Amino acid sequence: MNAAMIAGAVVGFGLYVLVRALFPARPGLAARMAALDAARRQDIAEQQAGRPGGAAPAGRTTSPTMERVGVLRARLGRELARFYESRGWKLRSVRADLAITGRSLEAFLATKFLLPAAALLFIPLIAAYFALLGLGSSVAVPVWICVLFAALFFFFPDMQLRQEAQARRQDFRHVVGAFLDLVSMNLAGGRGVPEALLTASNVGEGWAMHRIRDALANARITGQTPWQSLGRLGEELDIAELRDLAGALALVADDGAQVRKSLAARAASMRSRELSELEGKAGERSQSMLVAQLFLCAGFLIFLAYPALMRVLAS
């Protein structure tokens, strides 16, 4: 019964894929514009990297097999990204996490597809292993095992990306707090708000300060205000502190003293929030260490009492 259900599901899925391949959905205007923007961004990235056509950088050799695998993976990622865009799936949180970690959406989608596919490829191997152990020749159990692992592998890139993005956002918030202190000191020295922002961004050398510096430099090129550019960066990376900073600067940009007081207060509140979060994490780790010590004590007591208890029971 299970084998018939699995065979019917496979046949139905194959018919669905065949119909979708023969009669593909027409992409809408938004999908076409998104495809044009993606192609333009890719061309700009290739020009900035100095590798037209996606050529490998000098001094870096790869085997033809790995290059072929990379090309197929990139093509699969582009097809999946085009499919998502044609369906109108925005993936705003995923895009924000990818933006702050410096990854591409195409590589992420290709990984989410290839990991479950690799798990499903082990169905014949597990079935042969079960038959070798004498556990039966049915393929239902190996299929369900591989399907379970495929489901786990499908969500594994999301969990990994979320954890990495959370850690990088924490680092970015720490940099924003220091950046606000630097801007406040520059304002106290008599500079205007735009000059204070640019001067403060040129102090640090970390990746977060580089992102802030690039955003302010792009604001000068595109004719936007610095706080508008910071707000766009906050929207792109999903950093609430940057969005709040942009809104506050837009409201009090003309009053230098008010801006200085507001930035100093925000920096102080961010430091107190980070301190409370660190204290909370330290408390959680202390509790976990206490639980581990209790387990060790319980195991040691069992180790001491076991010989005496066995002697009493034997007598």
Protein backbone atom coordinates (compact mmCIF):
# COMPACT_ATOMS: atom_id res chain seq x y z
CA MET A 1 0.00 0.00 0.00
CA ASN A 2 2.78 2.41 0.90
CA ALA A 3 4.72 1.52 -2.24
CA ALA A 4 1.63 2.21 -4.37
CA MET A 5 1.09 5.58 -2.68
CA ILE A 6 4.73 6.56 -3.17
CA ALA A 7 4.64 5.48 -6.83
CA GLY A 8 1.45 7.46 -7.40
CA ALA A 9 2.96 10.54 -5.76
CA VAL A 10 6.08 10.27 -7.92
CA VAL A 11 4.02 9.87 -11.09
CA GLY A 12 1.78 12.79 -10.16
CA PHE A 13 4.74 15.02 -9.43
CA GLY A 14 6.32 14.05 -12.76
CA LEU A 15 3.10 14.90 -14.64
CA TYR A 16 2.90 18.24 -12.83
CA VAL A 17 6.51 19.10 -13.73
CA LEU A 18 5.87 18.08 -17.36
CA VAL A 19 2.78 20.29 -17.62
CA ARG A 20 4.61 23.24 -16.04
CA ALA A 21 7.52 22.76 -18.45
CA LEU A 22 5.26 22.59 -21.51
CA PHE A 23 3.05 25.52 -20.43
CA PRO A 24 5.17 27.86 -18.29
CA ALA A 25 3.53 30.79 -16.57
CA ARG A 26 4.09 34.17 -18.15
CA PRO A 27 6.15 36.39 -15.86
CA GLY A 28 4.58 39.63 -14.83
CA LEU A 29 5.96 43.13 -15.20
CA ALA A 30 7.39 43.11 -11.68
CA ALA A 31 9.25 39.85 -12.35
CA ARG A 32 10.73 41.20 -15.59
CA MET A 33 11.86 44.41 -13.91
CA ALA A 34 13.40 42.38 -11.08
CA ALA A 35 15.25 40.24 -13.63
CA LEU A 36 16.60 43.36 -15.33
CA ASP A 37 17.73 44.80 -11.99
CA ALA A 38 19.44 41.52 -11.08
CA ALA A 39 21.28 41.43 -14.39
CA ARG A 40 22.37 45.04 -13.95
CA ARG A 41 23.63 44.35 -10.42
CA GLN A 42 25.54 41.31 -11.65
CA ASP A 43 27.21 43.35 -14.40
CA ILE A 44 28.18 46.06 -11.91
CA ALA A 45 29.63 43.47 -9.52
CA GLU A 46 31.67 41.89 -12.31
CA GLN A 47 33.00 45.28 -13.39
CA GLN A 48 33.96 46.19 -9.83
CA ALA A 49 35.68 42.86 -9.34
CA GLY A 50 37.59 43.27 -12.58
CA ARG A 51 36.46 39.89 -13.84
CA PRO A 52 34.27 40.42 -16.90
CA GLY A 53 32.19 37.42 -17.78
CA GLY A 54 32.66 35.83 -14.36
CA ALA A 55 36.26 34.78 -14.96
CA ALA A 56 38.24 33.41 -12.06
CA PRO A 57 40.69 35.79 -10.36
CA ALA A 58 44.38 35.58 -11.14
CA GLY A 59 46.46 33.22 -9.07
CA ARG A 60 43.48 30.96 -8.34
CA THR A 61 43.29 27.69 -10.25
CA THR A 62 40.34 25.30 -10.17
CA SER A 63 39.81 21.98 -11.86
CA PRO A 64 37.51 21.77 -14.91
CA THR A 65 35.14 19.51 -12.96
CA MET A 66 34.73 22.05 -10.15
CA GLU A 67 34.24 24.85 -12.66
CA ARG A 68 31.54 22.81 -14.39
CA VAL A 69 29.84 22.10 -11.06
CA GLY A 70 30.01 25.80 -10.16
CA VAL A 71 28.46 26.79 -13.49
CA LEU A 72 25.62 24.28 -13.05
CA ARG A 73 25.03 25.46 -9.49
CA ALA A 74 24.95 29.10 -10.58
CA ARG A 75 22.54 28.28 -13.41
CA LEU A 76 20.28 26.36 -11.03
CA GLY A 77 20.33 29.28 -8.58
CA ARG A 78 19.37 31.75 -11.31
CA GLU A 79 16.51 29.53 -12.46
CA LEU A 80 15.21 29.18 -8.91
CA ALA A 81 15.51 32.93 -8.30
CA ARG A 82 13.62 33.60 -11.54
CA PHE A 83 10.94 31.12 -10.44
CA TYR A 84 10.57 32.85 -7.07
CA GLU A 85 10.34 36.27 -8.72
CA SER A 86 7.75 35.08 -11.23
CA ARG A 87 5.60 33.82 -8.35
CA GLY A 88 5.94 37.10 -6.48
CA TRP A 89 7.74 35.60 -3.48
CA LYS A 90 9.71 38.49 -1.99
CA LEU A 91 11.65 36.68 0.79
CA ARG A 92 12.35 39.99 2.54
CA SER A 93 13.81 38.48 5.71
CA VAL A 94 15.98 36.05 3.74
CA ARG A 95 17.21 38.85 1.48
CA ALA A 96 18.08 40.96 4.52
CA ASP A 97 20.00 38.07 6.08
CA LEU A 98 21.82 37.44 2.80
CA ALA A 99 22.66 41.13 2.45
CA ILE A 100 24.23 41.36 5.89
CA THR A 101 26.19 38.13 5.42
CA GLY A 102 27.37 39.05 1.92
CA ARG A 103 25.81 36.05 0.14
CA SER A 104 23.77 35.87 -3.01
CA LEU A 105 20.18 34.71 -3.27
CA GLU A 106 21.02 32.40 -6.18
CA ALA A 107 23.65 30.46 -4.20
CA PHE A 108 21.32 30.19 -1.22
CA LEU A 109 18.42 28.82 -3.27
CA ALA A 110 20.72 26.37 -5.07
CA THR A 111 21.95 25.07 -1.71
CA LYS A 112 18.38 24.66 -0.44
CA PHE A 113 17.56 22.59 -3.54
CA LEU A 114 20.74 20.50 -3.75
CA LEU A 115 20.91 19.38 -0.12
CA PRO A 116 17.47 17.65 -0.08
CA ALA A 117 18.15 16.24 -3.56
CA ALA A 118 21.40 14.73 -2.27
CA ALA A 119 19.50 13.16 0.64
CA LEU A 120 16.98 11.57 -1.73
CA LEU A 121 19.78 10.08 -3.82
CA PHE A 122 20.70 7.82 -0.89
CA ILE A 123 17.42 5.87 -1.09
CA PRO A 124 18.87 2.97 -3.16
CA LEU A 125 21.97 2.82 -0.93
CA ILE A 126 19.93 2.61 2.28
CA ALA A 127 17.56 0.06 0.73
CA ALA A 128 20.53 -2.10 -0.29
CA TYR A 129 22.03 -1.75 3.20
CA PHE A 130 18.76 -2.85 4.83
CA ALA A 131 18.57 -5.83 2.47
CA LEU A 132 22.18 -6.74 3.34
CA LEU A 133 21.34 -6.68 7.05
CA GLY A 134 18.30 -8.90 6.45
CA LEU A 135 15.76 -6.29 7.54
CA GLY A 136 13.54 -6.83 4.52
CA SER A 137 13.44 -5.72 0.92
CA SER A 138 10.74 -3.07 1.30
CA VAL A 139 11.72 0.43 0.20
CA ALA A 140 9.14 2.21 2.34
CA VAL A 141 11.40 2.62 5.39
CA PRO A 142 14.45 3.86 3.42
CA VAL A 143 12.21 6.27 1.51
CA TRP A 144 10.75 7.76 4.69
CA ILE A 145 14.20 8.00 6.28
CA CYS A 146 15.56 9.87 3.26
CA VAL A 147 12.47 12.08 3.09
CA LEU A 148 12.96 13.00 6.76
CA PHE A 149 16.60 13.88 6.17
CA ALA A 150 15.64 15.81 3.03
CA ALA A 151 13.19 17.90 5.07
CA LEU A 152 15.89 18.56 7.67
CA PHE A 153 18.42 19.49 4.99
CA PHE A 154 15.88 21.83 3.37
CA PHE A 155 15.61 23.94 6.53
CA PHE A 156 19.27 23.64 7.53
CA PRO A 157 20.50 26.54 5.29
CA ASP A 158 17.78 28.80 6.77
CA MET A 159 18.85 28.04 10.33
CA GLN A 160 22.52 28.52 9.52
CA LEU A 161 21.85 31.79 7.69
CA ARG A 162 19.66 33.08 10.53
CA GLN A 163 22.27 32.36 13.16
CA GLU A 164 25.06 33.98 11.18
CA ALA A 165 22.91 37.01 10.35
CA GLN A 166 21.94 37.40 14.01
CA ALA A 167 25.59 37.39 15.08
CA ARG A 168 26.54 39.93 12.41
CA ARG A 169 23.60 42.18 13.34
CA GLN A 170 24.79 42.14 16.93
CA ASP A 171 28.25 43.25 15.77
CA PHE A 172 26.68 45.90 13.56
CA ARG A 173 24.66 47.30 16.48
CA HIS A 174 27.84 47.55 18.53
CA VAL A 175 29.48 49.49 15.69
CA VAL A 176 26.44 51.77 15.38
CA GLY A 177 26.74 52.67 19.08
CA ALA A 178 30.40 53.63 18.64
CA PHE A 179 29.52 55.49 15.42
CA LEU A 180 26.93 57.58 17.28
CA ASP A 181 29.53 58.56 19.89
CA LEU A 182 31.94 59.63 17.15
CA VAL A 183 29.24 61.67 15.41
CA SER A 184 28.31 63.35 18.69
CA MET A 185 31.95 64.30 19.33
CA ASN A 186 32.29 65.71 15.81
CA LEU A 187 29.13 67.76 16.30
CA ALA A 188 30.54 69.09 19.55
CA GLY A 189 33.63 70.17 17.58
CA GLY A 190 31.52 72.47 15.39
CA ARG A 191 30.93 70.33 12.30
CA GLY A 192 27.61 70.04 10.56
CA VAL A 193 25.58 66.84 10.49
CA PRO A 194 26.72 65.59 7.02
CA GLU A 195 30.37 66.39 7.73
CA ALA A 196 30.16 64.78 11.16
CA LEU A 197 28.68 61.59 9.68
CA LEU A 198 31.37 61.34 6.99
CA THR A 199 34.21 62.06 9.42
CA ALA A 200 32.94 59.49 11.92
CA SER A 201 32.57 56.84 9.22
CA ASN A 202 36.24 57.26 8.20
CA VAL A 203 37.53 56.27 11.64
CA GLY A 204 36.80 52.54 11.79
CA GLU A 205 38.03 49.79 9.47
CA GLY A 206 35.56 46.97 10.19
CA TRP A 207 33.08 45.56 7.70
CA ALA A 208 30.16 47.34 9.37
CA MET A 209 31.89 50.72 9.22
CA HIS A 210 32.73 50.04 5.58
CA ARG A 211 29.02 49.51 4.85
CA ILE A 212 28.14 52.78 6.57
CA ARG A 213 30.93 54.60 4.72
CA ASP A 214 29.80 53.22 1.36
CA ALA A 215 26.21 54.23 2.08
CA LEU A 216 27.23 57.80 2.91
CA ALA A 217 29.47 57.99 -0.19
CA ASN A 218 26.61 56.76 -2.39
CA ALA A 219 24.37 59.41 -0.84
CA ARG A 220 26.74 62.13 -2.06
CA ILE A 221 26.79 60.63 -5.55
CA THR A 222 23.02 60.11 -5.87
CA GLY A 223 22.08 63.44 -4.33
CA GLN A 224 20.34 62.00 -1.26
CA THR A 225 20.72 63.15 2.30
CA PRO A 226 23.00 61.04 4.52
CA TRP A 227 20.14 60.02 6.81
CA GLN A 228 18.09 58.82 3.86
CA SER A 229 20.99 56.62 2.79
CA LEU A 230 21.39 55.30 6.33
CA GLY A 231 17.69 54.54 6.42
CA ARG A 232 17.93 52.58 3.17
CA LEU A 233 20.89 50.66 4.57
CA GLY A 234 18.86 49.87 7.68
CA GLU A 235 16.00 48.61 5.51
CA GLU A 236 18.35 46.50 3.42
CA LEU A 237 20.12 44.90 6.39
CA ASP A 238 17.08 44.93 8.74
CA ILE A 239 18.86 47.04 11.36
CA ALA A 240 16.24 48.87 13.42
CA GLU A 241 18.85 51.17 14.99
CA LEU A 242 19.83 52.60 11.60
CA ARG A 243 16.20 53.22 10.66
CA ASP A 244 15.57 54.98 13.97
CA LEU A 245 18.75 57.02 13.52
CA ALA A 246 17.66 58.09 10.04
CA GLY A 247 14.26 59.16 11.33
CA ALA A 248 15.78 61.12 14.22
CA LEU A 249 18.28 62.90 11.95
CA ALA A 250 15.54 63.78 9.50
CA LEU A 251 13.54 65.43 12.29
CA VAL A 252 16.30 67.43 14.02
CA ALA A 253 18.92 67.84 11.30
CA ASP A 254 18.82 71.65 11.48
CA ASP A 255 19.44 71.95 15.23
CA GLY A 256 23.00 70.88 15.97
CA ALA A 257 22.70 70.92 19.75
CA GLN A 258 19.51 68.88 19.66
CA VAL A 259 21.11 66.36 17.30
CA ARG A 260 24.11 66.00 19.59
CA LYS A 261 21.95 65.36 22.64
CA SER A 262 19.77 62.90 20.76
CA LEU A 263 22.74 60.92 19.43
CA ALA A 264 24.43 60.80 22.84
CA ALA A 265 21.21 59.53 24.42
CA ARG A 266 20.79 56.89 21.73
CA ALA A 267 24.38 55.71 22.14
CA ALA A 268 23.90 55.45 25.91
CA SER A 269 20.66 53.48 25.51
CA MET A 270 22.29 51.11 23.02
CA ARG A 271 25.19 50.48 25.39
CA SER A 272 22.83 49.76 28.28
CA ARG A 273 20.79 47.41 26.09
CA GLU A 274 23.92 45.53 24.99
CA LEU A 275 25.06 45.32 28.60
CA SER A 276 21.72 43.86 29.70
CA GLU A 277 21.82 41.33 26.85
CA LEU A 278 25.35 40.27 27.80
CA GLU A 279 24.30 39.92 31.44
CA GLY A 280 21.34 37.78 30.36
CA LYS A 281 23.57 35.52 28.26
CA ALA A 282 26.04 35.23 31.15
CA GLY A 283 23.18 34.23 33.46
CA GLU A 284 21.98 31.57 31.02
CA ARG A 285 25.47 30.12 30.75
CA SER A 286 25.82 30.12 34.53
CA GLN A 287 22.55 28.19 34.83
CA SER A 288 23.68 25.68 32.21
CA MET A 289 26.97 25.18 34.04
CA LEU A 290 25.04 24.65 37.29
CA VAL A 291 22.87 21.98 35.66
CA ALA A 292 25.97 20.26 34.29
CA GLN A 293 27.55 20.26 37.76
CA LEU A 294 24.38 18.77 39.26
CA PHE A 295 24.45 15.95 36.69
CA LEU A 296 28.12 15.29 37.49
CA CYS A 297 27.35 15.14 41.21
CA ALA A 298 24.42 12.78 40.61
CA GLY A 299 26.60 10.50 38.46
CA PHE A 300 29.35 10.49 41.10
CA LEU A 301 26.86 9.58 43.85
CA ILE A 302 25.48 6.74 41.73
CA PHE A 303 29.03 5.54 41.09
CA LEU A 304 29.73 5.47 44.84
CA ALA A 305 26.42 3.89 45.87
CA TYR A 306 26.21 1.22 43.16
CA PRO A 307 28.74 -1.31 44.65
CA ALA A 308 27.22 -1.10 48.10
CA LEU A 309 23.70 -1.47 46.73
CA MET A 310 24.66 -4.51 44.63
CA ARG A 311 26.36 -6.11 47.67
CA VAL A 312 23.25 -5.60 49.77
CA LEU A 313 21.00 -7.03 47.08
CA ALA A 314 23.31 -10.03 46.57
CA SER A 315 23.28 -10.87 50.27
